[in-house]
Amino acid sequence: MFLGGTTMKKYLPAALLLVVFEAVAVTLWLTKDNLFYLLNFSYIGLALSAGVFLYTQNYRHARRIVQLLVGQYVLIYLGPICNENMLD
C-alpha cells in the first residue's frame, strides 16, 4: 500500500533532492534579483529528482531521460537561446 512508511521511504531521496535545488533556486533568485537562477535550478532539480524517482520505480531508461533533459537544456537553451559562453 502506498500509505505505508516503508513505501514512502524510497521516494525520500527524490523529494530531498528537489527541496535542495528549490531552496538554492529561491535563495539565489531573491538575493541576486535574477529570475534566471529560479528557472535554472528549478529545471535541473526537477529533471534530477524525476530521474531518481524513475530509478526507484526500476525504470530502465531513467538515467538516459535525465541525460536527455539536462543535455538539451545545456546545449539548446543555455547555448543558442541565452548566448551563454560555455567554452571558458
Protein backbone atom coordinates (compact mmCIF):
# COMPACT_ATOMS: atom_id res chain seq x y z
CA MET A 1 0.00 0.00 0.00
CA PHE A 2 1.21 3.48 -0.86
CA LEU A 3 0.42 4.97 2.57
CA GLY A 4 2.84 2.70 4.41
CA GLY A 5 6.02 4.15 5.90
CA THR A 6 8.39 1.76 4.14
CA THR A 7 6.97 2.59 0.71
CA MET A 8 7.34 6.33 1.23
CA LYS A 9 10.98 6.00 2.33
CA LYS A 10 12.11 5.04 -1.16
CA TYR A 11 10.80 8.36 -2.52
CA LEU A 12 12.64 10.43 0.10
CA PRO A 13 15.89 10.92 -1.90
CA ALA A 14 13.98 12.32 -4.89
CA ALA A 15 11.98 14.66 -2.67
CA LEU A 16 15.06 15.84 -0.76
CA LEU A 17 16.93 16.49 -4.00
CA LEU A 18 14.07 18.61 -5.28
CA VAL A 19 13.83 20.53 -2.00
CA VAL A 20 17.56 21.29 -2.01
CA PHE A 21 17.52 22.54 -5.60
CA GLU A 22 14.40 24.62 -4.99
CA ALA A 23 15.94 26.15 -1.85
CA VAL A 24 19.04 27.14 -3.80
CA ALA A 25 16.89 28.45 -6.65
CA VAL A 26 14.72 30.65 -4.45
CA THR A 27 17.68 31.88 -2.38
CA LEU A 28 19.71 32.90 -5.43
CA TRP A 29 16.67 34.41 -7.12
CA LEU A 30 15.88 36.59 -4.13
CA THR A 31 19.46 37.58 -3.27
CA LYS A 32 20.68 38.20 -6.82
CA ASP A 33 17.32 39.52 -8.10
CA ASN A 34 17.66 37.46 -11.27
CA LEU A 35 14.84 35.18 -12.46
CA PHE A 36 17.36 33.05 -14.40
CA TYR A 37 18.52 31.36 -11.18
CA LEU A 38 14.99 30.31 -10.30
CA LEU A 39 14.37 28.80 -13.73
CA ASN A 40 17.83 27.24 -14.00
CA PHE A 41 17.94 25.41 -10.67
CA SER A 42 14.24 24.52 -10.75
CA TYR A 43 14.55 22.83 -14.14
CA ILE A 44 17.70 20.90 -13.25
CA GLY A 45 16.30 19.92 -9.84
CA LEU A 46 13.08 18.67 -11.41
CA ALA A 47 14.99 16.68 -14.02
CA LEU A 48 17.28 15.07 -11.46
CA SER A 49 14.53 14.29 -8.98
CA ALA A 50 12.40 12.80 -11.77
CA GLY A 51 15.36 10.60 -12.68
CA VAL A 52 15.80 9.44 -9.10
CA PHE A 53 12.05 8.78 -8.87
CA LEU A 54 12.10 6.74 -12.09
CA TYR A 55 15.15 4.85 -10.82
CA THR A 56 13.27 3.88 -7.65
CA GLN A 57 10.49 2.59 -9.90
CA ASN A 58 13.09 0.36 -11.63
CA TYR A 59 12.56 2.12 -14.94
CA ARG A 60 15.48 1.04 -17.09
CA HIS A 61 15.83 4.29 -19.04
CA ALA A 62 15.82 6.67 -16.05
CA ARG A 63 19.47 7.69 -16.48
CA ARG A 64 19.02 8.32 -20.20
CA ILE A 65 16.00 10.52 -19.59
CA VAL A 66 17.96 12.69 -17.13
CA GLN A 67 20.87 12.92 -19.56
CA LEU A 68 18.50 13.96 -22.33
CA LEU A 69 16.73 16.60 -20.23
CA VAL A 70 19.88 18.18 -18.78
CA GLY A 71 21.82 17.83 -22.04
CA GLN A 72 19.23 19.55 -24.19
CA TYR A 73 18.89 22.26 -21.56
CA VAL A 74 22.61 22.97 -21.70
CA LEU A 75 23.06 22.59 -25.45
CA ILE A 76 19.87 24.26 -26.66
CA TYR A 77 18.68 26.69 -24.01
CA LEU A 78 21.93 27.92 -22.48
CA GLY A 79 23.89 27.91 -25.72
CA PRO A 80 21.98 29.41 -28.66
CA ILE A 81 18.99 30.88 -26.83
CA CYS A 82 20.69 32.54 -23.82
CA ASN A 83 24.04 33.07 -25.58
CA GLU A 84 25.95 31.73 -22.58
CA ASN A 85 29.64 31.21 -23.20
CA MET A 86 30.31 27.57 -22.33
CA LEU A 87 33.87 27.47 -23.68
CA ASP A 88 35.58 29.44 -20.92
